[in-house]
Amino acid sequence: MRVLVRAIFPTEAGNRAVKDPNFIKNIQGFIENNKAEAAYFTTINGERSCNFVVDMPSTDMMPAIAEPFFEMGARVEMQPVMNFEDLKKGLSAAIK
């Protein structure tokens, strides 16, 4: 299942994270290990955030995906998402 993983860093935790010399290496490792389809970085309500689209074959992967960000002081949100092809397929089945 395609999932949007959002790690939101409160100001103090974000300040510590970006000053850590391994921060970029850790983010890159997350992207590579989870074969992220996309990675975006922005602010949400004034706080730093990392947003990744990953494939989660089973829900037992949730702790492994979230834990690295929890350890950096982030809040983590996960929600299923669709791309356009998924939407077309789903709507086609729904309106039959």
Protein backbone atom coordinates (compact mmCIF):
# COMPACT_ATOMS: atom_id res chain seq x y z
CA MET A 1 0.00 0.00 0.00
CA ARG A 2 1.27 3.45 -0.90
CA VAL A 3 1.60 5.56 2.27
CA LEU A 4 2.44 9.19 2.92
CA VAL A 5 4.87 9.37 5.84
CA ARG A 6 5.16 12.83 7.36
CA ALA A 7 7.76 13.60 10.02
CA ILE A 8 7.10 16.97 11.67
CA PHE A 9 9.88 18.46 13.76
CA PRO A 10 8.93 20.89 16.53
CA THR A 11 11.31 23.87 16.49
CA GLU A 12 13.78 22.69 19.14
CA ALA A 13 13.95 19.12 17.82
CA GLY A 14 14.30 20.45 14.27
CA ASN A 15 17.13 22.76 15.30
CA ARG A 16 19.00 19.83 16.86
CA ALA A 17 18.30 17.56 13.89
CA VAL A 18 19.61 19.89 11.18
CA LYS A 19 22.78 20.61 13.19
CA ASP A 20 23.54 16.90 13.46
CA PRO A 21 26.24 16.11 10.88
CA ASN A 22 24.49 12.77 10.17
CA PHE A 23 21.06 14.28 9.47
CA ILE A 24 21.36 14.28 5.67
CA LYS A 25 22.94 10.82 5.73
CA ASN A 26 20.06 9.54 7.92
CA ILE A 27 17.43 11.02 5.59
CA GLN A 28 19.19 9.55 2.57
CA GLY A 29 19.34 6.17 4.31
CA PHE A 30 15.61 6.35 5.06
CA ILE A 31 14.86 7.13 1.40
CA GLU A 32 17.06 4.29 0.16
CA ASN A 33 16.00 1.69 2.75
CA ASN A 34 12.31 2.34 2.21
CA LYS A 35 12.60 2.88 -1.55
CA ALA A 36 10.70 6.16 -1.25
CA GLU A 37 8.81 6.99 -4.42
CA ALA A 38 9.03 10.68 -3.53
CA ALA A 39 10.57 12.88 -0.84
CA TYR A 40 9.59 16.48 -0.13
CA PHE A 41 10.72 18.92 2.53
CA THR A 42 8.67 21.92 3.65
CA THR A 43 7.15 23.62 6.65
CA ILE A 44 3.83 22.72 8.27
CA ASN A 45 2.37 25.23 10.69
CA GLY A 46 5.79 26.82 11.05
CA GLU A 47 7.65 23.57 11.77
CA ARG A 48 10.05 21.64 9.57
CA SER A 49 8.69 18.54 7.90
CA CYS A 50 9.88 15.67 5.75
CA ASN A 51 7.27 13.98 3.56
CA PHE A 52 7.85 10.64 1.89
CA VAL A 53 5.73 8.36 -0.26
CA VAL A 54 6.66 4.76 0.46
CA ASP A 55 5.23 1.33 -0.25
CA MET A 56 4.12 -0.39 2.95
CA PRO A 57 3.33 -4.03 2.16
CA SER A 58 2.14 -4.67 5.72
CA THR A 59 1.28 -2.62 8.79
CA ASP A 60 3.99 -4.29 10.85
CA MET A 61 6.42 -1.97 9.05
CA MET A 62 4.96 1.08 10.82
CA PRO A 63 7.31 0.99 13.84
CA ALA A 64 10.43 0.55 11.70
CA ILE A 65 9.40 3.46 9.49
CA ALA A 66 8.46 5.79 12.34
CA GLU A 67 11.11 5.02 14.97
CA PRO A 68 14.06 6.85 13.37
CA PHE A 69 12.01 10.04 13.31
CA PHE A 70 10.70 9.57 16.85
CA GLU A 71 14.33 9.27 17.96
CA MET A 72 15.02 12.66 16.35
CA GLY A 73 12.12 14.24 18.25
CA ALA A 74 9.62 14.36 15.38
CA ARG A 75 5.91 13.66 15.36
CA VAL A 76 5.05 11.08 12.71
CA GLU A 77 1.88 10.77 10.66
CA MET A 78 1.07 8.05 8.14
CA GLN A 79 -1.85 7.89 5.78
CA PRO A 80 -2.71 5.80 2.74
CA VAL A 81 -2.53 7.72 -0.53
CA MET A 82 -3.26 7.07 -4.20
CA ASN A 83 -1.62 8.21 -7.37
CA PHE A 84 -3.73 9.10 -10.40
CA GLU A 85 -3.67 5.55 -11.78
CA ASP A 86 -4.92 4.20 -8.43
CA LEU A 87 -7.71 6.80 -8.40
CA LYS A 88 -8.87 5.86 -11.91
CA LYS A 89 -8.87 2.17 -11.02
CA GLY A 90 -10.70 2.75 -7.75
CA LEU A 91 -13.35 5.00 -9.27
CA SER A 92 -13.89 2.58 -12.12
CA ALA A 93 -14.64 -0.20 -9.65
CA ALA A 94 -16.75 2.06 -7.42
CA ILE A 95 -19.15 3.26 -10.09
CA LYS A 96 -19.98 -0.14 -11.58
